[in-house]
């Protein structure tokens, strides 16, 4: 392979410190003050790099799944899209994030917001699953 091409795909990622202490969600506990290791979020969050990609969310259709406007989704194309998985799909010429439902051999795309009705996928629709959402990254405040 061309070395220049390999270099364009090879990226440098920041490894952040990982402390050995688990953080209590309740009352504080004594913490260890030493570094356990460096944590590369790419190794932790992305299981299959060649089949993974990021996408930014626009809209409020998935708020019930804690996916909000501006969030970044990590999507893996190598995971099989099964019933109840959150997927990235293309249908009616647009990309969307929805919950896949397979009911009595029929495919539906569900929003996680009661403002939106389920979408029944028919044979006449140009429909394709682009991947399964594995993680959601969003700002807490």
Protein backbone atom coordinates (compact mmCIF):
# COMPACT_ATOMS: atom_id res chain seq x y z
CA UNK A 1 0.00 0.00 0.00
CA UNK A 2 0.98 3.57 -0.52
CA UNK A 3 2.65 4.98 2.64
CA UNK A 4 1.11 8.41 2.09
CA UNK A 5 -2.37 6.84 2.04
CA UNK A 6 -1.64 4.93 5.27
CA UNK A 7 -0.52 8.15 6.96
CA UNK A 8 -3.76 9.95 6.14
CA UNK A 9 -5.78 7.25 7.92
CA UNK A 10 -3.42 7.06 10.90
CA UNK A 11 -4.41 9.72 13.40
CA UNK A 12 -2.97 10.80 16.70
CA UNK A 13 -5.35 10.66 19.65
CA UNK A 14 -4.95 12.14 23.10
CA UNK A 15 -4.66 9.57 25.87
CA UNK A 16 -6.16 10.88 29.09
CA UNK A 17 -5.25 9.74 32.60
CA UNK A 18 -7.38 7.00 34.17
CA UNK A 19 -7.32 6.94 37.95
CA UNK A 20 -7.75 3.66 39.80
CA UNK A 21 -10.55 4.95 42.01
CA UNK A 22 -14.19 4.41 41.20
CA UNK A 23 -16.16 7.59 41.74
CA UNK A 24 -19.15 7.27 44.03
CA UNK A 25 -22.44 8.59 42.73
CA UNK A 26 -23.72 8.82 46.30
CA UNK A 27 -21.67 10.02 49.28
CA UNK A 28 -17.99 10.75 48.67
CA UNK A 29 -15.41 8.14 49.60
CA UNK A 30 -11.66 8.26 50.09
CA UNK A 31 -9.88 8.41 46.74
CA UNK A 32 -6.56 6.96 45.66
CA UNK A 33 -4.22 9.70 44.47
CA UNK A 34 -2.31 7.72 41.91
CA UNK A 35 -2.62 7.15 38.22
CA UNK A 36 -3.57 3.66 37.13
CA UNK A 37 -3.08 4.00 33.40
CA UNK A 38 -3.77 6.15 30.38
CA UNK A 39 -7.16 5.73 28.81
CA UNK A 40 -7.49 5.99 25.05
CA UNK A 41 -11.21 6.52 24.48
CA UNK A 42 -10.87 5.14 20.97
CA UNK A 43 -9.79 1.76 22.38
CA UNK A 44 -12.56 1.86 24.96
CA UNK A 45 -15.46 3.06 22.80
CA UNK A 46 -14.66 1.78 19.31
CA UNK A 47 -14.52 -2.00 18.99
CA UNK A 48 -14.19 -2.18 15.21
CA UNK A 49 -12.46 0.97 13.87
CA UNK A 50 -12.73 0.15 10.14
CA UNK A 51 -16.51 -0.25 10.49
CA UNK A 52 -17.14 2.69 12.83
CA UNK A 53 -18.00 6.32 12.33
CA UNK A 54 -19.30 9.35 14.23
CA UNK A 55 -22.44 11.31 13.44
CA UNK A 56 -23.90 14.43 15.06
CA UNK A 57 -27.60 14.46 16.00
CA UNK A 58 -29.99 17.15 14.88
CA UNK A 59 -33.49 17.24 16.35
CA UNK A 60 -35.46 15.89 19.28
CA UNK A 61 -36.94 12.62 18.04
CA UNK A 62 -34.78 10.45 20.33
CA UNK A 63 -34.93 12.38 23.62
CA UNK A 64 -36.55 9.42 25.40
CA UNK A 65 -33.35 7.45 24.73
CA UNK A 66 -31.26 10.33 26.14
CA UNK A 67 -30.11 11.29 22.64
CA UNK A 68 -30.43 15.05 22.23
CA UNK A 69 -29.76 17.72 19.63
CA UNK A 70 -26.00 18.16 19.15
CA UNK A 71 -24.99 14.79 20.62
CA UNK A 72 -22.35 12.73 18.87
CA UNK A 73 -23.18 9.10 18.18
CA UNK A 74 -20.63 6.34 17.72
CA UNK A 75 -21.96 3.95 15.10
CA UNK A 76 -20.67 0.49 14.20
CA UNK A 77 -21.57 -0.90 10.77
CA UNK A 78 -20.38 -4.41 11.69
CA UNK A 79 -23.07 -4.98 14.34
CA UNK A 80 -26.24 -6.67 13.16
CA UNK A 81 -29.29 -4.43 13.34
CA UNK A 82 -31.74 -6.35 15.52
CA UNK A 83 -35.11 -5.57 17.05
CA UNK A 84 -34.96 -2.74 19.62
CA UNK A 85 -31.47 -1.54 18.60
CA UNK A 86 -30.93 2.15 17.90
CA UNK A 87 -29.76 2.49 14.32
CA UNK A 88 -28.73 5.00 11.70
CA UNK A 89 -30.89 4.43 8.63
CA UNK A 90 -31.47 5.97 5.27
CA UNK A 91 -35.06 6.10 4.05
CA UNK A 92 -37.03 8.46 1.87
CA UNK A 93 -33.73 10.05 0.85
CA UNK A 94 -32.72 11.13 4.38
CA UNK A 95 -30.58 9.80 7.22
CA UNK A 96 -32.13 9.38 10.63
CA UNK A 97 -31.48 7.87 14.03
CA UNK A 98 -34.36 5.65 15.20
CA UNK A 99 -35.14 2.56 17.22
CA UNK A 100 -35.56 -0.46 14.95
CA UNK A 101 -38.62 -2.58 15.67
CA UNK A 102 -39.38 -5.81 13.88
CA UNK A 103 -42.95 -6.84 14.60
CA UNK A 104 -44.51 -9.84 12.86
CA UNK A 105 -41.82 -9.68 10.12
CA UNK A 106 -42.57 -6.01 9.44
CA UNK A 107 -39.99 -3.28 9.94
CA UNK A 108 -40.80 -0.09 11.84
CA UNK A 109 -38.67 2.86 12.87
CA UNK A 110 -39.67 4.33 16.20
CA UNK A 111 -38.81 7.71 17.62
CA UNK A 112 -38.27 8.05 21.35
CA UNK A 113 -40.48 11.12 21.48
CA UNK A 114 -44.30 10.88 21.61
CA UNK A 115 -44.56 13.82 19.18
CA UNK A 116 -43.52 11.50 16.34
CA UNK A 117 -45.37 8.47 14.95
CA UNK A 118 -43.66 5.19 14.04
CA UNK A 119 -42.65 4.78 10.41
CA UNK A 120 -43.51 1.52 8.67
CA UNK A 121 -40.86 0.53 6.14
CA UNK A 122 -42.34 -0.87 2.94
CA UNK A 123 -40.76 -2.64 -0.02
CA UNK A 124 -41.33 0.48 -2.12
CA UNK A 125 -39.11 2.61 0.15
CA UNK A 126 -35.42 3.01 -0.48
CA UNK A 127 -34.32 1.81 2.98
CA UNK A 128 -30.87 0.93 4.27
CA UNK A 129 -29.38 0.46 7.72
CA UNK A 130 -26.01 2.20 8.00
CA UNK A 131 -25.08 0.95 11.44
CA UNK A 132 -25.98 0.39 15.06
CA UNK A 133 -25.44 3.14 17.63
CA UNK A 134 -23.05 1.90 20.32
CA UNK A 135 -22.41 5.05 22.37
CA UNK A 136 -23.83 8.53 22.80
CA UNK A 137 -21.56 11.45 23.68
CA UNK A 138 -23.27 14.52 25.06
CA UNK A 139 -22.51 17.47 27.22
CA UNK A 140 -24.12 17.33 30.65
CA UNK A 141 -24.77 21.04 31.03
